[in-house]
Amino acid sequence: MGRLYSVSVTGVAVSAAQDLWEILAASGKPFYLHELTIGQSSDYGDAAAEGLGIVIKRATGAYTTGSGGTTPTPAKHLTNDAAAGTVKANNTTQAVAGSGALTTIRSETFNVQAGYQYLPLPEDRLFFLPTEALVVSITVPADAVTLSQTAVIEEM
């Protein structure tokens, strides 16, 4: 078993399409995606309910990284583990393929009132090779929503 890390951001106002996560595998450290969760704390009324599109992508080669977000530090599940690879959250300028590729792996929708959880069976976990990146994007909400999100990865 590899090293497990969680990375979270809380209470981010989202009013535009963006990359919620961009997680780059460190050199020589491929990773599995164990879980993604998204919740909101601003739209609880029925009239505020809306569906958002969510896309999980694999970035390979010389893709252009997104910008305009934050760089949260992944939390180690075991204290003595090494630091994890690079993580970006809530990039308002989204990643683009450039001379590399952004390949859609999953495309879904979710109701903001219910939240979103991607929790695959072990045999269905997505695997990212060294220098590949996980990019998780959402569509533009009808009005601003306040999101909190967590990703759990396992570096090998």
C-alpha atoms as a PDB file:
ATOM      1  CA  MET A   1       0.000   0.000   0.000  1.00  0.00           C
ATOM      2  CA  GLY A   2       1.199   3.497  -0.830  1.00  0.00           C
ATOM      3  CA  ARG A   3       1.032   6.765   1.078  1.00  0.00           C
ATOM      4  CA  LEU A   4      -2.438   8.282   1.544  1.00  0.00           C
ATOM      5  CA  TYR A   5      -3.096  12.029   1.459  1.00  0.00           C
ATOM      6  CA  SER A   6      -6.209  14.177   1.795  1.00  0.00           C
ATOM      7  CA  VAL A   7      -6.423  17.696   0.460  1.00  0.00           C
ATOM      8  CA  SER A   8      -9.345  19.960   1.321  1.00  0.00           C
ATOM      9  CA  VAL A   9     -10.576  23.486   0.777  1.00  0.00           C
ATOM     10  CA  THR A  10     -13.516  24.977   2.632  1.00  0.00           C
ATOM     11  CA  GLY A  11     -15.996  27.749   1.937  1.00  0.00           C
ATOM     12  CA  VAL A  12     -14.945  28.879  -1.542  1.00  0.00           C
ATOM     13  CA  ALA A  13     -17.373  31.156  -3.396  1.00  0.00           C
ATOM     14  CA  VAL A  14     -17.757  29.738  -6.903  1.00  0.00           C
ATOM     15  CA  SER A  15     -19.475  31.798  -9.598  1.00  0.00           C
ATOM     16  CA  ALA A  16     -17.657  30.637 -12.743  1.00  0.00           C
ATOM     17  CA  ALA A  17     -16.675  27.381 -14.428  1.00  0.00           C
ATOM     18  CA  GLN A  18     -13.395  26.224 -12.939  1.00  0.00           C
ATOM     19  CA  ASP A  19     -11.006  23.399 -12.174  1.00  0.00           C
ATOM     20  CA  LEU A  20     -11.823  22.346  -8.633  1.00  0.00           C
ATOM     21  CA  TRP A  21      -8.691  20.181  -8.533  1.00  0.00           C
ATOM     22  CA  GLU A  22      -5.484  19.858 -10.486  1.00  0.00           C
ATOM     23  CA  ILE A  23      -3.266  17.236  -8.882  1.00  0.00           C
ATOM     24  CA  LEU A  24       0.068  16.590 -10.582  1.00  0.00           C
ATOM     25  CA  ALA A  25       1.804  13.285  -9.936  1.00  0.00           C
ATOM     26  CA  ALA A  26       5.312  13.909  -8.666  1.00  0.00           C
ATOM     27  CA  SER A  27       8.259  12.488 -10.589  1.00  0.00           C
ATOM     28  CA  GLY A  28       8.457   8.775  -9.837  1.00  0.00           C
ATOM     29  CA  LYS A  29       5.244   8.900  -7.729  1.00  0.00           C
ATOM     30  CA  PRO A  30       2.170   7.723  -9.618  1.00  0.00           C
ATOM     31  CA  PHE A  31      -1.089   7.879  -7.678  1.00  0.00           C
ATOM     32  CA  TYR A  32      -4.574   6.405  -7.371  1.00  0.00           C
ATOM     33  CA  LEU A  33      -7.633   8.578  -6.892  1.00  0.00           C
ATOM     34  CA  HIS A  34      -9.517   7.158  -3.905  1.00  0.00           C
ATOM     35  CA  GLU A  35     -12.258   9.736  -3.373  1.00  0.00           C
ATOM     36  CA  LEU A  36     -13.670  13.123  -4.363  1.00  0.00           C
ATOM     37  CA  THR A  37     -16.343  14.951  -2.382  1.00  0.00           C
ATOM     38  CA  ILE A  38     -18.023  18.286  -3.027  1.00  0.00           C
ATOM     39  CA  GLY A  39     -20.555  19.950  -0.750  1.00  0.00           C
ATOM     40  CA  GLN A  40     -22.080  23.394  -0.557  1.00  0.00           C
ATOM     41  CA  SER A  41     -23.305  25.601   2.246  1.00  0.00           C
ATOM     42  CA  SER A  42     -25.260  28.339   0.471  1.00  0.00           C
ATOM     43  CA  ASP A  43     -28.133  26.895  -1.611  1.00  0.00           C
ATOM     44  CA  TYR A  44     -30.446  24.900   0.659  1.00  0.00           C
ATOM     45  CA  GLY A  45     -33.806  26.206  -0.602  1.00  0.00           C
ATOM     46  CA  ASP A  46     -35.707  24.354  -3.335  1.00  0.00           C
ATOM     47  CA  ALA A  47     -35.695  27.451  -5.534  1.00  0.00           C
ATOM     48  CA  ALA A  48     -31.877  27.511  -5.347  1.00  0.00           C
ATOM     49  CA  ALA A  49     -31.469  23.888  -6.470  1.00  0.00           C
ATOM     50  CA  GLU A  50     -29.445  23.429  -9.620  1.00  0.00           C
ATOM     51  CA  GLY A  51     -27.447  20.768 -11.366  1.00  0.00           C
ATOM     52  CA  LEU A  52     -23.781  21.250 -12.176  1.00  0.00           C
ATOM     53  CA  GLY A  53     -21.723  19.277 -14.648  1.00  0.00           C
ATOM     54  CA  ILE A  54     -18.522  17.700 -13.355  1.00  0.00           C
ATOM     55  CA  VAL A  55     -15.770  16.237 -15.517  1.00  0.00           C
ATOM     56  CA  ILE A  56     -12.801  14.145 -14.361  1.00  0.00           C
ATOM     57  CA  LYS A  57      -9.894  14.376 -16.812  1.00  0.00           C
ATOM     58  CA  ARG A  58      -6.361  13.075 -17.272  1.00  0.00           C
ATOM     59  CA  ALA A  59      -3.755  15.631 -18.392  1.00  0.00           C
ATOM     60  CA  THR A  60      -0.744  14.213 -20.243  1.00  0.00           C
ATOM     61  CA  GLY A  61       2.209  15.686 -22.044  1.00  0.00           C
ATOM     62  CA  ALA A  62       2.752  19.428 -22.244  1.00  0.00           C
ATOM     63  CA  TYR A  63      -0.668  20.655 -21.165  1.00  0.00           C
ATOM     64  CA  THR A  64      -1.142  24.222 -19.899  1.00  0.00           C
ATOM     65  CA  THR A  65      -1.893  24.318 -16.196  1.00  0.00           C
ATOM     66  CA  GLY A  66      -4.763  26.405 -14.853  1.00  0.00           C
ATOM     67  CA  SER A  67      -4.375  29.500 -12.679  1.00  0.00           C
ATOM     68  CA  GLY A  68      -6.228  31.847 -10.377  1.00  0.00           C
ATOM     69  CA  GLY A  69      -6.799  29.429  -7.510  1.00  0.00           C
ATOM     70  CA  THR A  70      -4.903  28.284  -4.439  1.00  0.00           C
ATOM     71  CA  THR A  71      -2.241  25.670  -3.682  1.00  0.00           C
ATOM     72  CA  PRO A  72      -3.434  23.764  -0.612  1.00  0.00           C
ATOM     73  CA  THR A  73      -1.028  21.366   1.097  1.00  0.00           C
ATOM     74  CA  PRO A  74      -2.123  17.708   1.158  1.00  0.00           C
ATOM     75  CA  ALA A  75      -2.471  16.262   4.663  1.00  0.00           C
ATOM     76  CA  LYS A  76      -0.523  13.047   5.271  1.00  0.00           C
ATOM     77  CA  HIS A  77      -2.545  10.171   6.662  1.00  0.00           C
ATOM     78  CA  LEU A  78       0.637   8.931   8.386  1.00  0.00           C
ATOM     79  CA  THR A  79       2.777  11.572  10.097  1.00  0.00           C
ATOM     80  CA  ASN A  80       6.166  10.289   8.881  1.00  0.00           C
ATOM     81  CA  ASP A  81       5.275  10.075   5.179  1.00  0.00           C
ATOM     82  CA  ALA A  82       7.009  12.310   2.651  1.00  0.00           C
ATOM     83  CA  ALA A  83       5.300  15.386   1.197  1.00  0.00           C
ATOM     84  CA  ALA A  84       2.844  14.768  -1.628  1.00  0.00           C
ATOM     85  CA  GLY A  85       2.958  16.119  -5.178  1.00  0.00           C
ATOM     86  CA  THR A  86       1.631  19.490  -6.344  1.00  0.00           C
ATOM     87  CA  VAL A  87      -2.038  20.361  -5.847  1.00  0.00           C
ATOM     88  CA  LYS A  88      -4.014  23.340  -7.135  1.00  0.00           C
ATOM     89  CA  ALA A  89      -7.606  24.114  -6.198  1.00  0.00           C
ATOM     90  CA  ASN A  90     -10.320  26.321  -7.674  1.00  0.00           C
ATOM     91  CA  ASN A  91      -8.439  27.547 -10.729  1.00  0.00           C
ATOM     92  CA  THR A  92     -10.698  30.054 -12.473  1.00  0.00           C
ATOM     93  CA  THR A  93      -8.545  29.869 -15.611  1.00  0.00           C
ATOM     94  CA  GLN A  94      -8.910  26.207 -16.536  1.00  0.00           C
ATOM     95  CA  ALA A  95      -6.203  23.847 -17.789  1.00  0.00           C
ATOM     96  CA  VAL A  96      -5.981  23.393 -21.570  1.00  0.00           C
ATOM     97  CA  ALA A  97      -4.426  20.661 -23.683  1.00  0.00           C
ATOM     98  CA  GLY A  98      -1.634  22.712 -25.289  1.00  0.00           C
ATOM     99  CA  SER A  99       0.609  20.238 -27.136  1.00  0.00           C
ATOM    100  CA  GLY A 100      -0.401  17.549 -24.611  1.00  0.00           C
ATOM    101  CA  ALA A 101      -3.848  16.097 -24.035  1.00  0.00           C
ATOM    102  CA  LEU A 102      -6.766  16.457 -21.640  1.00  0.00           C
ATOM    103  CA  THR A 103      -8.753  13.239 -21.802  1.00  0.00           C
ATOM    104  CA  THR A 104     -12.212  13.035 -20.232  1.00  0.00           C
ATOM    105  CA  ILE A 105     -12.514   9.933 -18.049  1.00  0.00           C
ATOM    106  CA  ARG A 106     -15.878  10.647 -16.387  1.00  0.00           C
ATOM    107  CA  SER A 107     -18.593  13.184 -17.127  1.00  0.00           C
ATOM    108  CA  GLU A 108     -21.506  13.486 -14.710  1.00  0.00           C
ATOM    109  CA  THR A 109     -23.940  15.951 -13.172  1.00  0.00           C
ATOM    110  CA  PHE A 110     -24.903  16.508  -9.561  1.00  0.00           C
ATOM    111  CA  ASN A 111     -27.489  18.501  -7.643  1.00  0.00           C
ATOM    112  CA  VAL A 112     -25.765  21.132  -5.516  1.00  0.00           C
ATOM    113  CA  GLN A 113     -28.151  20.459  -2.624  1.00  0.00           C
ATOM    114  CA  ALA A 114     -27.142  16.788  -2.497  1.00  0.00           C
ATOM    115  CA  GLY A 115     -23.415  17.294  -3.122  1.00  0.00           C
ATOM    116  CA  TYR A 116     -21.153  14.940  -5.025  1.00  0.00           C
ATOM    117  CA  GLN A 117     -19.089  11.927  -4.018  1.00  0.00           C
ATOM    118  CA  TYR A 118     -16.861   9.815  -6.244  1.00  0.00           C
ATOM    119  CA  LEU A 119     -15.922   6.741  -4.231  1.00  0.00           C
ATOM    120  CA  PRO A 120     -14.951   3.955  -6.641  1.00  0.00           C
ATOM    121  CA  LEU A 121     -14.467   0.306  -5.828  1.00  0.00           C
ATOM    122  CA  PRO A 122     -10.756  -0.555  -5.493  1.00  0.00           C
ATOM    123  CA  GLU A 123     -10.621  -2.157  -8.943  1.00  0.00           C
ATOM    124  CA  ASP A 124     -12.210   0.970 -10.486  1.00  0.00           C
ATOM    125  CA  ARG A 125      -9.854   3.561  -8.985  1.00  0.00           C
ATOM    126  CA  LEU A 126      -8.256   5.856 -11.524  1.00  0.00           C
ATOM    127  CA  PHE A 127      -4.458   5.628 -11.809  1.00  0.00           C
ATOM    128  CA  PHE A 128      -2.214   8.529 -12.842  1.00  0.00           C
ATOM    129  CA  LEU A 129       1.355   7.940 -14.019  1.00  0.00           C
ATOM    130  CA  PRO A 130       4.302  10.171 -13.007  1.00  0.00           C
ATOM    131  CA  THR A 131       3.973  13.628 -14.600  1.00  0.00           C
ATOM    132  CA  GLU A 132       0.277  13.041 -15.438  1.00  0.00           C
ATOM    133  CA  ALA A 133      -2.345  15.146 -13.688  1.00  0.00           C
ATOM    134  CA  LEU A 134      -5.876  14.707 -12.446  1.00  0.00           C
ATOM    135  CA  VAL A 135      -8.078  17.668 -13.438  1.00  0.00           C
ATOM    136  CA  VAL A 136     -11.615  17.947 -12.024  1.00  0.00           C
ATOM    137  CA  SER A 137     -13.767  20.660 -13.618  1.00  0.00           C
ATOM    138  CA  ILE A 138     -17.284  21.972 -12.992  1.00  0.00           C
ATOM    139  CA  THR A 139     -19.632  24.008 -15.152  1.00  0.00           C
ATOM    140  CA  VAL A 140     -20.680  27.552 -14.327  1.00  0.00           C
ATOM    141  CA  PRO A 141     -23.356  27.731 -11.604  1.00  0.00           C
ATOM    142  CA  ALA A 142     -26.528  29.781 -12.194  1.00  0.00           C
ATOM    143  CA  ASP A 143     -25.608  31.846  -9.144  1.00  0.00           C
ATOM    144  CA  ALA A 144     -22.664  31.837  -6.753  1.00  0.00           C
ATOM    145  CA  VAL A 145     -22.414  28.775  -4.499  1.00  0.00           C
ATOM    146  CA  THR A 146     -20.115  28.257  -1.540  1.00  0.00           C
ATOM    147  CA  LEU A 147     -18.277  24.955  -2.000  1.00  0.00           C
ATOM    148  CA  SER A 148     -16.092  22.785   0.189  1.00  0.00           C
ATOM    149  CA  GLN A 149     -14.250  19.882  -1.375  1.00  0.00           C
ATOM    150  CA  THR A 150     -11.870  17.037  -0.541  1.00  0.00           C
ATOM    151  CA  ALA A 151      -9.739  14.725  -2.660  1.00  0.00           C
ATOM    152  CA  VAL A 152      -8.026  11.592  -1.339  1.00  0.00           C
ATOM    153  CA  ILE A 153      -5.111  10.128  -3.273  1.00  0.00           C
ATOM    154  CA  GLU A 154      -2.645   7.295  -2.717  1.00  0.00           C
ATOM    155  CA  GLU A 155       0.913   7.848  -3.965  1.00  0.00           C
ATOM    156  CA  MET A 156       2.703   4.648  -4.920  1.00  0.00           C
END
